[in-house]
Amino acid sequence: MEQERKFYNVEELARLLGVSKNKVYDLCHIEGFPAIWLGRRVIVSRSGFEQWVESQAGSGVDILAR
């Protein structure tokens, strides 16, 4: 039985969102985004990402334009 992963890497998140890796890196620099920097590597908490998306839903704001 495979254990569910608790983190996404940039490539996985880009694929999930249908955006480029550069856009994911842009998201990672937004205050409040659940990115964890490990040197130059970034991982994103799966549960934190889901909560962050819910908090952004319906805001009508382009989060990458901030």
PDB file of N, CA and C in Angstrom:
ATOM      1  N   MET A   1       0.844  -1.183   0.000  1.00  0.00           N
ATOM      2  CA  MET A   1       0.000   0.000   0.000  1.00  0.00           C
ATOM      3  C   MET A   1       0.889   1.246   0.000  1.00  0.00           C
ATOM      4  N   GLU A   2       0.691   2.124  -0.981  1.00  0.00           N
ATOM      5  CA  GLU A   2       1.504   3.322  -1.105  1.00  0.00           C
ATOM      6  C   GLU A   2       0.962   4.427  -0.209  1.00  0.00           C
ATOM      7  N   GLN A   3       1.864   5.065   0.522  1.00  0.00           N
ATOM      8  CA  GLN A   3       1.479   6.156   1.406  1.00  0.00           C
ATOM      9  C   GLN A   3       1.259   7.425   0.580  1.00  0.00           C
ATOM     10  N   GLU A   4       0.206   8.166   0.902  1.00  0.00           N
ATOM     11  CA  GLU A   4      -0.088   9.406   0.194  1.00  0.00           C
ATOM     12  C   GLU A   4       0.996  10.439   0.498  1.00  0.00           C
ATOM     13  N   ARG A   5       1.483  11.095  -0.563  1.00  0.00           N
ATOM     14  CA  ARG A   5       2.539  12.091  -0.399  1.00  0.00           C
ATOM     15  C   ARG A   5       1.982  13.345   0.259  1.00  0.00           C
ATOM     16  N   LYS A   6       2.793  13.965   1.090  1.00  0.00           N
ATOM     17  CA  LYS A   6       2.360  15.151   1.826  1.00  0.00           C
ATOM     18  C   LYS A   6       2.828  16.446   1.174  1.00  0.00           C
ATOM     19  N   PHE A   7       3.696  16.343   0.158  1.00  0.00           N
ATOM     20  CA  PHE A   7       4.248  17.526  -0.481  1.00  0.00           C
ATOM     21  C   PHE A   7       4.236  17.385  -1.998  1.00  0.00           C
ATOM     22  N   TYR A   8       4.144  18.527  -2.676  1.00  0.00           N
ATOM     23  CA  TYR A   8       4.307  18.591  -4.126  1.00  0.00           C
ATOM     24  C   TYR A   8       5.655  19.238  -4.404  1.00  0.00           C
ATOM     25  N   ASN A   9       6.297  18.838  -5.508  1.00  0.00           N
ATOM     26  CA  ASN A   9       7.429  19.616  -5.972  1.00  0.00           C
ATOM     27  C   ASN A   9       6.914  20.578  -7.038  1.00  0.00           C
ATOM     28  N   VAL A  10       7.771  21.453  -7.521  1.00  0.00           N
ATOM     29  CA  VAL A  10       7.349  22.490  -8.471  1.00  0.00           C
ATOM     30  C   VAL A  10       6.780  21.879  -9.749  1.00  0.00           C
ATOM     31  N   GLU A  11       7.433  20.860 -10.263  1.00  0.00           N
ATOM     32  CA  GLU A  11       6.972  20.234 -11.504  1.00  0.00           C
ATOM     33  C   GLU A  11       5.579  19.621 -11.339  1.00  0.00           C
ATOM     34  N   GLU A  12       5.355  18.928 -10.224  1.00  0.00           N
ATOM     35  CA  GLU A  12       4.048  18.315  -9.974  1.00  0.00           C
ATOM     36  C   GLU A  12       2.955  19.378  -9.853  1.00  0.00           C
ATOM     37  N   LEU A  13       3.259  20.450  -9.153  1.00  0.00           N
ATOM     38  CA  LEU A  13       2.274  21.505  -8.968  1.00  0.00           C
ATOM     39  C   LEU A  13       1.978  22.218 -10.286  1.00  0.00           C
ATOM     40  N   ALA A  14       2.995  22.420 -11.104  1.00  0.00           N
ATOM     41  CA  ALA A  14       2.791  23.041 -12.422  1.00  0.00           C
ATOM     42  C   ALA A  14       1.866  22.177 -13.272  1.00  0.00           C
ATOM     43  N   ARG A  15       2.093  20.879 -13.253  1.00  0.00           N
ATOM     44  CA  ARG A  15       1.257  19.949 -14.015  1.00  0.00           C
ATOM     45  C   ARG A  15      -0.176  19.952 -13.485  1.00  0.00           C
ATOM     46  N   LEU A  16      -0.323  19.952 -12.173  1.00  0.00           N
ATOM     47  CA  LEU A  16      -1.640  19.961 -11.543  1.00  0.00           C
ATOM     48  C   LEU A  16      -2.432  21.220 -11.895  1.00  0.00           C
ATOM     49  N   LEU A  17      -1.753  22.362 -11.910  1.00  0.00           N
ATOM     50  CA  LEU A  17      -2.414  23.634 -12.184  1.00  0.00           C
ATOM     51  C   LEU A  17      -2.500  23.964 -13.667  1.00  0.00           C
ATOM     52  N   GLY A  18      -1.720  23.272 -14.479  1.00  0.00           N
ATOM     53  CA  GLY A  18      -1.714  23.548 -15.911  1.00  0.00           C
ATOM     54  C   GLY A  18      -0.988  24.831 -16.256  1.00  0.00           C
ATOM     55  N   VAL A  19       0.050  25.138 -15.481  1.00  0.00           N
ATOM     56  CA  VAL A  19       0.857  26.339 -15.714  1.00  0.00           C
ATOM     57  C   VAL A  19       2.322  25.937 -15.813  1.00  0.00           C
ATOM     58  N   SER A  20       3.158  26.899 -16.148  1.00  0.00           N
ATOM     59  CA  SER A  20       4.592  26.628 -16.253  1.00  0.00           C
ATOM     60  C   SER A  20       5.237  26.553 -14.866  1.00  0.00           C
ATOM     61  N   LYS A  21       6.415  25.966 -14.826  1.00  0.00           N
ATOM     62  CA  LYS A  21       7.164  25.917 -13.569  1.00  0.00           C
ATOM     63  C   LYS A  21       7.503  27.331 -13.100  1.00  0.00           C
ATOM     64  N   ASN A  22       7.765  28.245 -14.043  1.00  0.00           N
ATOM     65  CA  ASN A  22       8.065  29.628 -13.660  1.00  0.00           C
ATOM     66  C   ASN A  22       6.898  30.266 -12.929  1.00  0.00           C
ATOM     67  N   LYS A  23       5.667  29.973 -13.356  1.00  0.00           N
ATOM     68  CA  LYS A  23       4.485  30.506 -12.665  1.00  0.00           C
ATOM     69  C   LYS A  23       4.390  29.948 -11.245  1.00  0.00           C
ATOM     70  N   VAL A  24       4.739  28.679 -11.083  1.00  0.00           N
ATOM     71  CA  VAL A  24       4.716  28.088  -9.737  1.00  0.00           C
ATOM     72  C   VAL A  24       5.755  28.776  -8.861  1.00  0.00           C
ATOM     73  N   TYR A  25       6.949  29.037  -9.406  1.00  0.00           N
ATOM     74  CA  TYR A  25       7.961  29.762  -8.633  1.00  0.00           C
ATOM     75  C   TYR A  25       7.450  31.157  -8.254  1.00  0.00           C
ATOM     76  N   ASP A  26       6.716  31.808  -9.157  1.00  0.00           N
ATOM     77  CA  ASP A  26       6.113  33.102  -8.832  1.00  0.00           C
ATOM     78  C   ASP A  26       5.156  32.954  -7.646  1.00  0.00           C
ATOM     79  N   LEU A  27       4.326  31.913  -7.671  1.00  0.00           N
ATOM     80  CA  LEU A  27       3.411  31.661  -6.553  1.00  0.00           C
ATOM     81  C   LEU A  27       4.175  31.476  -5.244  1.00  0.00           C
ATOM     82  N   CYS A  28       5.296  30.782  -5.314  1.00  0.00           N
ATOM     83  CA  CYS A  28       6.084  30.472  -4.118  1.00  0.00           C
ATOM     84  C   CYS A  28       6.625  31.720  -3.432  1.00  0.00           C
ATOM     85  N   HIS A  29       6.649  32.835  -4.147  1.00  0.00           N
ATOM     86  CA  HIS A  29       7.142  34.089  -3.567  1.00  0.00           C
ATOM     87  C   HIS A  29       6.020  34.961  -3.009  1.00  0.00           C
ATOM     88  N   ILE A  30       4.780  34.499  -3.124  1.00  0.00           N
ATOM     89  CA  ILE A  30       3.642  35.253  -2.590  1.00  0.00           C
ATOM     90  C   ILE A  30       3.514  34.980  -1.096  1.00  0.00           C
ATOM     91  N   GLU A  31       3.384  36.048  -0.334  1.00  0.00           N
ATOM     92  CA  GLU A  31       3.223  35.900   1.113  1.00  0.00           C
ATOM     93  C   GLU A  31       1.993  35.054   1.413  1.00  0.00           C
ATOM     94  N   GLY A  32       2.152  34.073   2.271  1.00  0.00           N
ATOM     95  CA  GLY A  32       1.050  33.207   2.654  1.00  0.00           C
ATOM     96  C   GLY A  32       0.954  31.920   1.852  1.00  0.00           C
ATOM     97  N   PHE A  33       1.712  31.833   0.737  1.00  0.00           N
ATOM     98  CA  PHE A  33       1.702  30.598  -0.045  1.00  0.00           C
ATOM     99  C   PHE A  33       2.524  29.557   0.716  1.00  0.00           C
ATOM    100  N   PRO A  34       2.037  28.315   0.805  1.00  0.00           N
ATOM    101  CA  PRO A  34       2.671  27.304   1.673  1.00  0.00           C
ATOM    102  C   PRO A  34       3.923  26.645   1.081  1.00  0.00           C
ATOM    103  N   ALA A  35       4.841  27.457   0.580  1.00  0.00           N
ATOM    104  CA  ALA A  35       6.089  26.928   0.022  1.00  0.00           C
ATOM    105  C   ALA A  35       7.129  26.777   1.122  1.00  0.00           C
ATOM    106  N   ILE A  36       7.901  25.718   1.011  1.00  0.00           N
ATOM    107  CA  ILE A  36       9.010  25.480   1.939  1.00  0.00           C
ATOM    108  C   ILE A  36      10.274  25.425   1.090  1.00  0.00           C
ATOM    109  N   TRP A  37      11.185  26.335   1.367  1.00  0.00           N
ATOM    110  CA  TRP A  37      12.434  26.401   0.603  1.00  0.00           C
ATOM    111  C   TRP A  37      13.490  25.565   1.305  1.00  0.00           C
ATOM    112  N   LEU A  38      14.090  24.671   0.558  1.00  0.00           N
ATOM    113  CA  LEU A  38      15.175  23.820   1.043  1.00  0.00           C
ATOM    114  C   LEU A  38      16.392  24.139   0.181  1.00  0.00           C
ATOM    115  N   GLY A  39      17.069  25.215   0.536  1.00  0.00           N
ATOM    116  CA  GLY A  39      18.130  25.717  -0.328  1.00  0.00           C
ATOM    117  C   GLY A  39      17.483  26.287  -1.578  1.00  0.00           C
ATOM    118  N   ARG A  40      17.820  25.744  -2.744  1.00  0.00           N
ATOM    119  CA  ARG A  40      17.220  26.197  -4.001  1.00  0.00           C
ATOM    120  C   ARG A  40      16.003  25.359  -4.390  1.00  0.00           C
ATOM    121  N   ARG A  41      15.765  24.288  -3.665  1.00  0.00           N
ATOM    122  CA  ARG A  41      14.632  23.410  -3.951  1.00  0.00           C
ATOM    123  C   ARG A  41      13.407  23.898  -3.188  1.00  0.00           C
ATOM    124  N   VAL A  42      12.243  23.743  -3.806  1.00  0.00           N
ATOM    125  CA  VAL A  42      10.989  24.168  -3.175  1.00  0.00           C
ATOM    126  C   VAL A  42      10.038  22.988  -3.125  1.00  0.00           C
ATOM    127  N   ILE A  43       9.390  22.814  -1.987  1.00  0.00           N
ATOM    128  CA  ILE A  43       8.292  21.866  -1.872  1.00  0.00           C
ATOM    129  C   ILE A  43       7.092  22.625  -1.320  1.00  0.00           C
ATOM    130  N   VAL A  44       5.913  22.132  -1.627  1.00  0.00           N
ATOM    131  CA  VAL A  44       4.685  22.794  -1.203  1.00  0.00           C
ATOM    132  C   VAL A  44       3.825  21.775  -0.467  1.00  0.00           C
ATOM    133  N   SER A  45       3.431  22.135   0.729  1.00  0.00           N
ATOM    134  CA  SER A  45       2.571  21.276   1.540  1.00  0.00           C
ATOM    135  C   SER A  45       1.254  21.035   0.810  1.00  0.00           C
ATOM    136  N   ARG A  46       0.898  19.787   0.660  1.00  0.00           N
ATOM    137  CA  ARG A  46      -0.354  19.444  -0.028  1.00  0.00           C
ATOM    138  C   ARG A  46      -1.556  20.016   0.714  1.00  0.00           C
ATOM    139  N   SER A  47      -1.615  19.796   2.031  1.00  0.00           N
ATOM    140  CA  SER A  47      -2.759  20.297   2.807  1.00  0.00           C
ATOM    141  C   SER A  47      -2.736  21.819   2.872  1.00  0.00           C
ATOM    142  N   GLY A  48      -1.552  22.405   3.002  1.00  0.00           N
ATOM    143  CA  GLY A  48      -1.444  23.856   3.015  1.00  0.00           C
ATOM    144  C   GLY A  48      -1.870  24.462   1.691  1.00  0.00           C
ATOM    145  N   PHE A  49      -1.514  23.792   0.583  1.00  0.00           N
ATOM    146  CA  PHE A  49      -1.896  24.265  -0.740  1.00  0.00           C
ATOM    147  C   PHE A  49      -3.412  24.224  -0.901  1.00  0.00           C
ATOM    148  N   GLU A  50      -4.025  23.133  -0.468  1.00  0.00           N
ATOM    149  CA  GLU A  50      -5.482  23.013  -0.576  1.00  0.00           C
ATOM    150  C   GLU A  50      -6.185  24.102   0.233  1.00  0.00           C
ATOM    151  N   GLN A  51      -5.683  24.388   1.426  1.00  0.00           N
ATOM    152  CA  GLN A  51      -6.263  25.454   2.251  1.00  0.00           C
ATOM    153  C   GLN A  51      -6.047  26.810   1.596  1.00  0.00           C
ATOM    154  N   TRP A  52      -4.870  27.036   1.024  1.00  0.00           N
ATOM    155  CA  TRP A  52      -4.563  28.301   0.378  1.00  0.00           C
ATOM    156  C   TRP A  52      -5.486  28.521  -0.826  1.00  0.00           C
ATOM    157  N   VAL A  53      -5.700  27.475  -1.631  1.00  0.00           N
ATOM    158  CA  VAL A  53      -6.586  27.586  -2.792  1.00  0.00           C
ATOM    159  C   VAL A  53      -7.994  27.956  -2.332  1.00  0.00           C
ATOM    160  N   GLU A  54      -8.483  27.296  -1.298  1.00  0.00           N
ATOM    161  CA  GLU A  54      -9.820  27.602  -0.780  1.00  0.00           C
ATOM    162  C   GLU A  54      -9.915  29.056  -0.324  1.00  0.00           C
ATOM    163  N   SER A  55      -8.860  29.563   0.291  1.00  0.00           N
ATOM    164  CA  SER A  55      -8.885  30.946   0.770  1.00  0.00           C
ATOM    165  C   SER A  55      -8.852  31.944  -0.384  1.00  0.00           C
ATOM    166  N   GLN A  56      -8.320  31.533  -1.539  1.00  0.00           N
ATOM    167  CA  GLN A  56      -8.231  32.414  -2.707  1.00  0.00           C
ATOM    168  C   GLN A  56      -9.470  32.333  -3.586  1.00  0.00           C
ATOM    169  N   ALA A  57     -10.174  31.217  -3.513  1.00  0.00           N
ATOM    170  CA  ALA A  57     -11.332  30.989  -4.383  1.00  0.00           C
ATOM    171  C   ALA A  57     -12.388  32.063  -4.171  1.00  0.00           C
ATOM    172  N   GLY A  58     -12.885  32.581  -5.270  1.00  0.00           N
ATOM    173  CA  GLY A  58     -13.943  33.570  -5.206  1.00  0.00           C
ATOM    174  C   GLY A  58     -13.484  34.982  -4.939  1.00  0.00           C
ATOM    175  N   SER A  59     -12.181  35.182  -4.777  1.00  0.00           N
ATOM    176  CA  SER A  59     -11.696  36.532  -4.480  1.00  0.00           C
ATOM    177  C   SER A  59     -11.735  37.425  -5.709  1.00  0.00           C
ATOM    178  N   GLY A  60     -11.675  36.812  -6.898  1.00  0.00           N
ATOM    179  CA  GLY A  60     -11.712  37.590  -8.133  1.00  0.00           C
ATOM    180  C   GLY A  60     -10.441  38.373  -8.381  1.00  0.00           C
ATOM    181  N   VAL A  61      -9.386  38.058  -7.645  1.00  0.00           N
ATOM    182  CA  VAL A  61      -8.129  38.780  -7.772  1.00  0.00           C
ATOM    183  C   VAL A  61      -7.116  37.889  -8.475  1.00  0.00           C
ATOM    184  N   ASP A  62      -6.374  38.477  -9.407  1.00  0.00           N
ATOM    185  CA  ASP A  62      -5.295  37.760 -10.087  1.00  0.00           C
ATOM    186  C   ASP A  62      -4.122  37.675  -9.120  1.00  0.00           C
ATOM    187  N   ILE A  63      -3.916  36.514  -8.542  1.00  0.00           N
ATOM    188  CA  ILE A  63      -2.901  36.367  -7.493  1.00  0.00           C
ATOM    189  C   ILE A  63      -1.491  36.614  -7.994  1.00  0.00           C
ATOM    190  N   LEU A  64      -1.250  36.422  -9.283  1.00  0.00           N
ATOM    191  CA  LEU A  64       0.090  36.654  -9.825  1.00  0.00           C
ATOM    192  C   LEU A  64       0.302  38.112 -10.194  1.00  0.00           C
ATOM    193  N   ALA A  65      -0.736  38.931 -10.091  1.00  0.00           N
ATOM    194  CA  ALA A  65      -0.598  40.355 -10.395  1.00  0.00           C
ATOM    195  C   ALA A  65      -0.295  41.170  -9.127  1.00  0.00           C
ATOM    196  N   ARG A  66      -0.230  40.501  -7.998  1.00  0.00           N
ATOM    197  CA  ARG A  66       0.007  41.208  -6.722  1.00  0.00           C
ATOM    198  C   ARG A  66       1.426  41.707  -6.640  1.00  0.00           C
TER     199      ARG A  66
END
